[in-house]
Amino acid sequence: MAEAIVGKTWLDQVAWNADRLVPAIAQDATSGTVLMMAWMNREALEATMRDGHAIYWSRSRGKLWRKGESSGHTQEVVDIRLDCDGDTILLKVHQRGGVACHTGRESCFYLGLQAGEEPRWHSVEPVKKSPDEIYQ
């Protein structure tokens, strides 16, 4: 991807998929921990840049999803990056409340693969806050 494409806006330089979405990875700006992956459409990416807080596109609800709108665990955006192919967004964020996952964990990537004769997924991160306390 060219560093600057003449005649294209910054939003036009994103390689949106067939559904007009792009994957967005949220990473803790301090620790580097990958917190979650969600989807963004043009409106979500533009609003995130403008407001300074992570806003995603909820495929299940069919609407914009302001991270933390029901849990209070917002993501303050420090930096927005676009990968070399233009098809993935990286948001470096300050995760407010220390919980990014709806399960009450810091990261949505809390399952690790345990190798062996019968590999299985198992939790490798503790619950920081009960989902019952988060979503009342």
Protein backbone atom coordinates (compact mmCIF):
# COMPACT_ATOMS: atom_id res chain seq x y z
CA MET A 1 0.00 0.00 0.00
CA ALA A 2 1.35 3.41 -0.90
CA GLU A 3 2.04 5.75 2.00
CA ALA A 4 -0.18 8.44 0.55
CA ILE A 5 -2.58 7.93 -2.31
CA VAL A 6 -3.31 11.18 -4.12
CA GLY A 7 -7.01 11.90 -4.56
CA LYS A 8 -8.15 9.41 -1.90
CA THR A 9 -9.28 10.33 1.57
CA TRP A 10 -7.84 8.48 4.55
CA LEU A 11 -11.08 6.49 4.78
CA ASP A 12 -10.89 5.55 1.09
CA GLN A 13 -7.42 4.09 1.68
CA VAL A 14 -8.89 1.39 3.95
CA ALA A 15 -9.50 -1.94 2.17
CA TRP A 16 -13.07 -2.52 3.35
CA ASN A 17 -14.36 -6.10 2.94
CA ALA A 18 -17.46 -7.08 0.95
CA ASP A 19 -19.65 -6.13 3.93
CA ARG A 20 -17.95 -2.69 4.04
CA LEU A 21 -16.22 -3.61 7.32
CA VAL A 22 -12.62 -3.84 8.50
CA PRO A 23 -11.30 -5.82 11.49
CA ALA A 24 -10.05 -3.65 14.34
CA ILE A 25 -7.70 -4.95 17.00
CA ALA A 26 -7.58 -3.13 20.34
CA GLN A 27 -4.21 -3.29 22.08
CA ASP A 28 -3.32 -1.86 25.49
CA ALA A 29 -1.08 1.13 24.74
CA THR A 30 1.03 0.56 27.86
CA SER A 31 1.41 -3.21 28.23
CA GLY A 32 0.98 -4.25 24.58
CA THR A 33 -1.65 -6.84 25.55
CA VAL A 34 -4.08 -7.60 22.73
CA LEU A 35 -7.46 -6.90 24.30
CA MET A 36 -10.03 -7.70 21.65
CA MET A 37 -10.98 -7.74 17.99
CA ALA A 38 -14.13 -6.16 16.64
CA TRP A 39 -15.41 -4.73 13.36
CA MET A 40 -15.57 -1.15 12.15
CA ASN A 41 -17.42 0.45 9.29
CA ARG A 42 -16.56 3.90 7.90
CA GLU A 43 -18.82 5.66 10.36
CA ALA A 44 -17.29 3.83 13.35
CA LEU A 45 -13.72 4.55 12.26
CA GLU A 46 -14.48 8.19 11.56
CA ALA A 47 -16.28 8.60 14.92
CA THR A 48 -13.41 6.87 16.75
CA MET A 49 -10.92 9.28 15.21
CA ARG A 50 -13.12 12.28 15.96
CA ASP A 51 -14.19 11.34 19.52
CA GLY A 52 -10.99 9.69 20.76
CA HIS A 53 -12.88 6.67 22.14
CA ALA A 54 -13.31 3.28 20.49
CA ILE A 55 -16.53 2.88 18.54
CA TYR A 56 -17.19 -0.35 16.66
CA TRP A 57 -19.87 -1.78 14.40
CA SER A 58 -21.95 -4.47 16.10
CA ARG A 59 -22.84 -7.06 13.47
CA SER A 60 -25.29 -8.79 15.82
CA ARG A 61 -27.14 -5.55 16.67
CA GLY A 62 -26.66 -3.90 13.27
CA LYS A 63 -25.60 -0.58 14.81
CA LEU A 64 -22.67 1.40 16.15
CA TRP A 65 -21.35 0.11 19.47
CA ARG A 66 -19.59 2.54 21.73
CA LYS A 67 -17.22 0.35 23.73
CA GLY A 68 -18.23 0.59 27.37
CA GLU A 69 -21.70 2.03 26.77
CA SER A 70 -23.27 -0.61 29.02
CA SER A 71 -20.25 -1.83 31.04
CA GLY A 72 -18.51 1.48 31.66
CA HIS A 73 -15.23 -0.08 30.44
CA THR A 74 -14.37 2.41 27.73
CA GLN A 75 -11.31 2.52 25.50
CA GLU A 76 -9.52 5.85 25.19
CA VAL A 77 -7.73 5.80 21.84
CA VAL A 78 -4.07 6.84 21.92
CA ASP A 79 -3.12 5.88 18.36
CA ILE A 80 -4.80 4.48 15.25
CA ARG A 81 -2.75 2.42 12.79
CA LEU A 82 -3.51 0.79 9.44
CA ASP A 83 -1.59 -2.34 8.44
CA CYS A 84 0.52 -2.60 5.29
CA ASP A 85 -2.30 -4.20 3.25
CA GLY A 86 -4.77 -1.58 4.40
CA ASP A 87 -7.17 -4.25 5.62
CA THR A 88 -6.76 -4.21 9.42
CA ILE A 89 -6.95 -1.40 11.95
CA LEU A 90 -4.91 -1.38 15.17
CA LEU A 91 -6.18 0.79 18.00
CA LYS A 92 -3.72 1.47 20.80
CA VAL A 93 -5.93 2.23 23.79
CA HIS A 94 -6.07 2.93 27.49
CA GLN A 95 -8.62 0.39 28.72
CA ARG A 96 -10.69 2.03 31.45
CA GLY A 97 -11.68 -0.28 34.29
CA GLY A 98 -9.07 -2.88 33.29
CA VAL A 99 -11.66 -5.13 31.64
CA ALA A 100 -12.16 -5.39 27.87
CA CYS A 101 -14.04 -8.70 27.68
CA HIS A 102 -17.74 -9.20 28.46
CA THR A 103 -16.66 -12.22 30.56
CA GLY A 104 -14.98 -9.86 33.05
CA ARG A 105 -11.43 -10.57 31.90
CA GLU A 106 -8.77 -8.09 30.79
CA SER A 107 -8.59 -9.61 27.30
CA CYS A 108 -11.00 -11.49 25.06
CA PHE A 109 -8.09 -13.80 24.23
CA TYR A 110 -8.21 -15.66 27.55
CA LEU A 111 -8.36 -19.23 26.20
CA GLY A 112 -5.07 -21.03 25.67
CA LEU A 113 -4.65 -24.29 23.76
CA GLN A 114 -3.41 -27.10 25.94
CA ALA A 115 -1.49 -29.58 23.79
CA GLY A 116 -1.59 -33.31 24.32
CA GLU A 117 -3.29 -36.43 23.07
CA GLU A 118 -6.62 -34.58 23.10
CA PRO A 119 -5.87 -30.85 22.80
CA ARG A 120 -8.35 -28.59 24.55
CA TRP A 121 -8.94 -24.92 25.25
CA HIS A 122 -8.62 -23.77 28.83
CA SER A 123 -8.79 -20.42 30.61
CA VAL A 124 -5.39 -18.81 31.19
CA GLU A 125 -6.66 -15.48 32.58
CA PRO A 126 -8.64 -14.83 35.74
CA VAL A 127 -11.96 -13.04 35.85
CA LYS A 128 -11.24 -9.53 37.16
CA LYS A 129 -14.86 -8.56 37.64
CA SER A 130 -17.97 -10.72 37.58
CA PRO A 131 -20.13 -10.14 34.49
CA ASP A 132 -23.10 -9.96 36.91
CA GLU A 133 -21.49 -6.87 38.47
CA ILE A 134 -20.69 -5.36 35.06
CA TYR A 135 -24.05 -5.82 33.36
CA GLN A 136 -26.87 -5.16 35.80
